[in-house]
């Protein structure tokens, strides 16, 4: 599996577990803050995650996929 995809999946899993801010997600994922931010921004842009008041949550795209 692609390393980038593995990292993105790890971030989604962390958010699903309740880790919801950039600093905590970066620390829990053992990724740099800049890499974490870049991947989170891409996941938010594609609706896999959402961002509200600097807190991340699961996005609607995951629900859409679950309904299919």
N, C-alpha and C. Protein backbone atom coordinates (compact mmCIF):
# COMPACT_ATOMS: atom_id res chain seq x y z
N UNK A 1 0.85 -1.18 0.00
CA UNK A 1 0.00 0.00 0.00
C UNK A 1 0.89 1.24 0.00
N UNK A 2 0.44 2.26 -0.64
CA UNK A 2 1.18 3.51 -0.70
C UNK A 2 1.38 4.09 0.70
N UNK A 3 2.55 4.62 0.94
CA UNK A 3 2.86 5.21 2.23
C UNK A 3 1.94 6.40 2.53
N UNK A 4 1.66 7.21 1.54
CA UNK A 4 0.78 8.37 1.74
C UNK A 4 -0.63 7.91 2.10
N UNK A 5 -1.11 6.90 1.43
CA UNK A 5 -2.45 6.39 1.73
C UNK A 5 -2.48 5.80 3.13
N UNK A 6 -1.44 5.10 3.52
CA UNK A 6 -1.37 4.55 4.88
C UNK A 6 -1.39 5.66 5.92
N UNK A 7 -0.67 6.73 5.66
CA UNK A 7 -0.67 7.86 6.59
C UNK A 7 -2.05 8.51 6.68
N UNK A 8 -2.71 8.67 5.54
CA UNK A 8 -4.04 9.28 5.53
C UNK A 8 -5.04 8.42 6.29
N UNK A 9 -4.97 7.12 6.11
CA UNK A 9 -5.87 6.21 6.82
C UNK A 9 -5.61 6.29 8.32
N UNK A 10 -4.35 6.38 8.70
CA UNK A 10 -4.00 6.51 10.11
C UNK A 10 -4.62 7.77 10.71
N UNK A 11 -4.59 8.87 9.96
CA UNK A 11 -5.18 10.12 10.45
C UNK A 11 -6.70 9.98 10.62
N UNK A 12 -7.35 9.36 9.67
CA UNK A 12 -8.80 9.14 9.78
C UNK A 12 -9.10 8.30 11.01
N UNK A 13 -8.32 7.25 11.23
CA UNK A 13 -8.52 6.40 12.40
C UNK A 13 -8.33 7.17 13.70
N UNK A 14 -7.33 8.02 13.77
CA UNK A 14 -7.10 8.81 14.97
C UNK A 14 -8.26 9.76 15.25
N UNK A 15 -8.75 10.40 14.22
CA UNK A 15 -9.91 11.30 14.38
C UNK A 15 -11.12 10.50 14.84
N UNK A 16 -11.32 9.32 14.27
CA UNK A 16 -12.44 8.46 14.67
C UNK A 16 -12.33 8.06 16.13
N UNK A 17 -11.10 7.96 16.65
CA UNK A 17 -10.88 7.60 18.05
C UNK A 17 -11.03 8.79 18.99
N UNK A 18 -11.23 10.00 18.42
CA UNK A 18 -11.45 11.17 19.26
C UNK A 18 -10.29 12.13 19.36
N UNK A 19 -9.18 11.85 18.69
CA UNK A 19 -8.07 12.79 18.67
C UNK A 19 -8.46 13.86 17.64
N UNK A 20 -8.64 15.11 18.09
CA UNK A 20 -9.31 16.05 17.20
C UNK A 20 -8.60 17.37 16.90
N UNK A 21 -7.39 17.60 17.42
CA UNK A 21 -6.71 18.84 17.04
C UNK A 21 -5.35 18.52 16.42
N UNK A 22 -4.85 19.46 15.66
CA UNK A 22 -3.64 19.24 14.87
C UNK A 22 -2.46 18.77 15.71
N UNK A 23 -2.21 19.42 16.82
CA UNK A 23 -1.06 19.06 17.65
C UNK A 23 -1.15 17.62 18.16
N UNK A 24 -2.32 17.25 18.65
CA UNK A 24 -2.50 15.90 19.19
C UNK A 24 -2.46 14.85 18.09
N UNK A 25 -3.02 15.17 16.93
CA UNK A 25 -3.01 14.23 15.81
C UNK A 25 -1.57 14.02 15.33
N UNK A 26 -0.81 15.10 15.21
CA UNK A 26 0.58 14.98 14.78
C UNK A 26 1.39 14.14 15.76
N UNK A 27 1.19 14.38 17.06
CA UNK A 27 1.93 13.62 18.07
C UNK A 27 1.55 12.15 18.05
N UNK A 28 0.27 11.87 17.95
CA UNK A 28 -0.21 10.48 17.98
C UNK A 28 0.18 9.72 16.72
N UNK A 29 0.33 10.43 15.62
CA UNK A 29 0.66 9.77 14.35
C UNK A 29 2.16 9.65 14.11
N UNK A 30 2.96 10.29 14.95
CA UNK A 30 4.41 10.33 14.76
C UNK A 30 4.80 10.93 13.42
N UNK A 31 4.01 11.90 12.95
CA UNK A 31 4.32 12.64 11.72
C UNK A 31 4.64 14.07 12.09
N UNK A 32 5.36 14.75 11.23
CA UNK A 32 5.63 16.16 11.48
C UNK A 32 4.32 16.93 11.40
N UNK A 33 4.32 18.07 12.05
CA UNK A 33 3.13 18.92 12.04
C UNK A 33 2.76 19.35 10.62
N UNK A 34 3.76 19.66 9.81
CA UNK A 34 3.49 20.13 8.44
C UNK A 34 2.91 19.00 7.57
N UNK A 35 3.45 17.79 7.70
CA UNK A 35 2.91 16.66 6.95
C UNK A 35 1.49 16.35 7.40
N UNK A 36 1.28 16.36 8.71
CA UNK A 36 -0.05 16.10 9.25
C UNK A 36 -1.04 17.15 8.74
N UNK A 37 -0.65 18.41 8.78
CA UNK A 37 -1.54 19.48 8.32
C UNK A 37 -1.88 19.32 6.85
N UNK A 38 -0.86 19.02 6.04
CA UNK A 38 -1.09 18.85 4.59
C UNK A 38 -2.05 17.70 4.31
N UNK A 39 -1.86 16.57 4.98
CA UNK A 39 -2.74 15.43 4.76
C UNK A 39 -4.15 15.70 5.29
N UNK A 40 -4.26 16.33 6.45
CA UNK A 40 -5.57 16.68 7.00
C UNK A 40 -6.31 17.63 6.06
N UNK A 41 -5.60 18.61 5.52
CA UNK A 41 -6.23 19.57 4.61
C UNK A 41 -6.77 18.86 3.37
N UNK A 42 -6.03 17.89 2.86
CA UNK A 42 -6.49 17.13 1.69
C UNK A 42 -7.72 16.30 2.04
N UNK A 43 -7.73 15.69 3.22
CA UNK A 43 -8.88 14.90 3.65
C UNK A 43 -10.10 15.78 3.87
N UNK A 44 -9.90 16.98 4.39
CA UNK A 44 -11.02 17.92 4.58
C UNK A 44 -11.54 18.38 3.22
N UNK A 45 -10.63 18.71 2.31
CA UNK A 45 -11.01 19.17 0.97
C UNK A 45 -11.86 18.13 0.24
N UNK A 46 -11.61 16.86 0.52
CA UNK A 46 -12.34 15.77 -0.14
C UNK A 46 -13.47 15.21 0.71
N UNK A 47 -13.78 15.90 1.81
CA UNK A 47 -14.91 15.57 2.69
C UNK A 47 -14.78 14.26 3.45
N UNK A 48 -13.56 13.74 3.59
CA UNK A 48 -13.36 12.56 4.43
C UNK A 48 -13.26 12.97 5.90
N UNK A 49 -12.82 14.20 6.13
CA UNK A 49 -12.82 14.79 7.45
C UNK A 49 -13.46 16.17 7.34
N UNK A 50 -13.87 16.71 8.48
CA UNK A 50 -14.37 18.08 8.52
C UNK A 50 -13.57 18.83 9.58
N UNK A 51 -13.54 20.15 9.45
CA UNK A 51 -12.82 20.99 10.38
C UNK A 51 -13.75 22.08 10.86
N UNK A 52 -13.91 22.18 12.18
CA UNK A 52 -14.77 23.19 12.78
C UNK A 52 -14.10 23.71 14.05
N UNK A 53 -13.80 25.00 14.07
CA UNK A 53 -13.18 25.63 15.24
C UNK A 53 -11.89 24.91 15.65
N UNK A 54 -11.06 24.60 14.65
CA UNK A 54 -9.76 23.93 14.86
C UNK A 54 -9.89 22.52 15.44
N UNK A 55 -11.04 21.91 15.29
CA UNK A 55 -11.27 20.52 15.72
C UNK A 55 -11.68 19.72 14.49
N UNK A 56 -11.07 18.55 14.36
CA UNK A 56 -11.37 17.68 13.23
C UNK A 56 -12.41 16.64 13.62
N UNK A 57 -13.24 16.28 12.66
CA UNK A 57 -14.23 15.22 12.84
C UNK A 57 -14.37 14.45 11.55
N UNK A 58 -15.07 13.35 11.62
CA UNK A 58 -15.29 12.54 10.42
C UNK A 58 -16.18 13.29 9.45
N UNK A 59 -15.89 13.16 8.17
CA UNK A 59 -16.62 13.88 7.15
C UNK A 59 -17.77 13.08 6.56
N UNK A 60 -18.57 13.79 5.80
CA UNK A 60 -19.77 13.19 5.21
C UNK A 60 -19.45 12.17 4.13
N UNK A 61 -18.30 12.27 3.52
CA UNK A 61 -17.94 11.31 2.47
C UNK A 61 -17.88 9.89 3.02
N UNK A 62 -17.42 9.74 4.25
CA UNK A 62 -17.37 8.41 4.87
C UNK A 62 -18.78 7.85 5.05
N UNK A 63 -19.71 8.72 5.43
CA UNK A 63 -21.11 8.28 5.55
C UNK A 63 -21.69 7.88 4.19
N UNK A 64 -21.36 8.68 3.19
CA UNK A 64 -21.85 8.36 1.83
C UNK A 64 -21.33 7.00 1.37
N UNK A 65 -20.08 6.74 1.62
CA UNK A 65 -19.51 5.46 1.23
C UNK A 65 -20.14 4.31 2.00
N UNK A 66 -20.42 4.53 3.28
CA UNK A 66 -21.04 3.52 4.10
C UNK A 66 -22.46 3.18 3.66
N UNK A 67 -23.13 4.12 3.05
CA UNK A 67 -24.50 3.92 2.59
C UNK A 67 -24.58 3.17 1.27
N UNK A 68 -23.47 3.10 0.56
CA UNK A 68 -23.51 2.47 -0.77
C UNK A 68 -23.55 0.96 -0.68
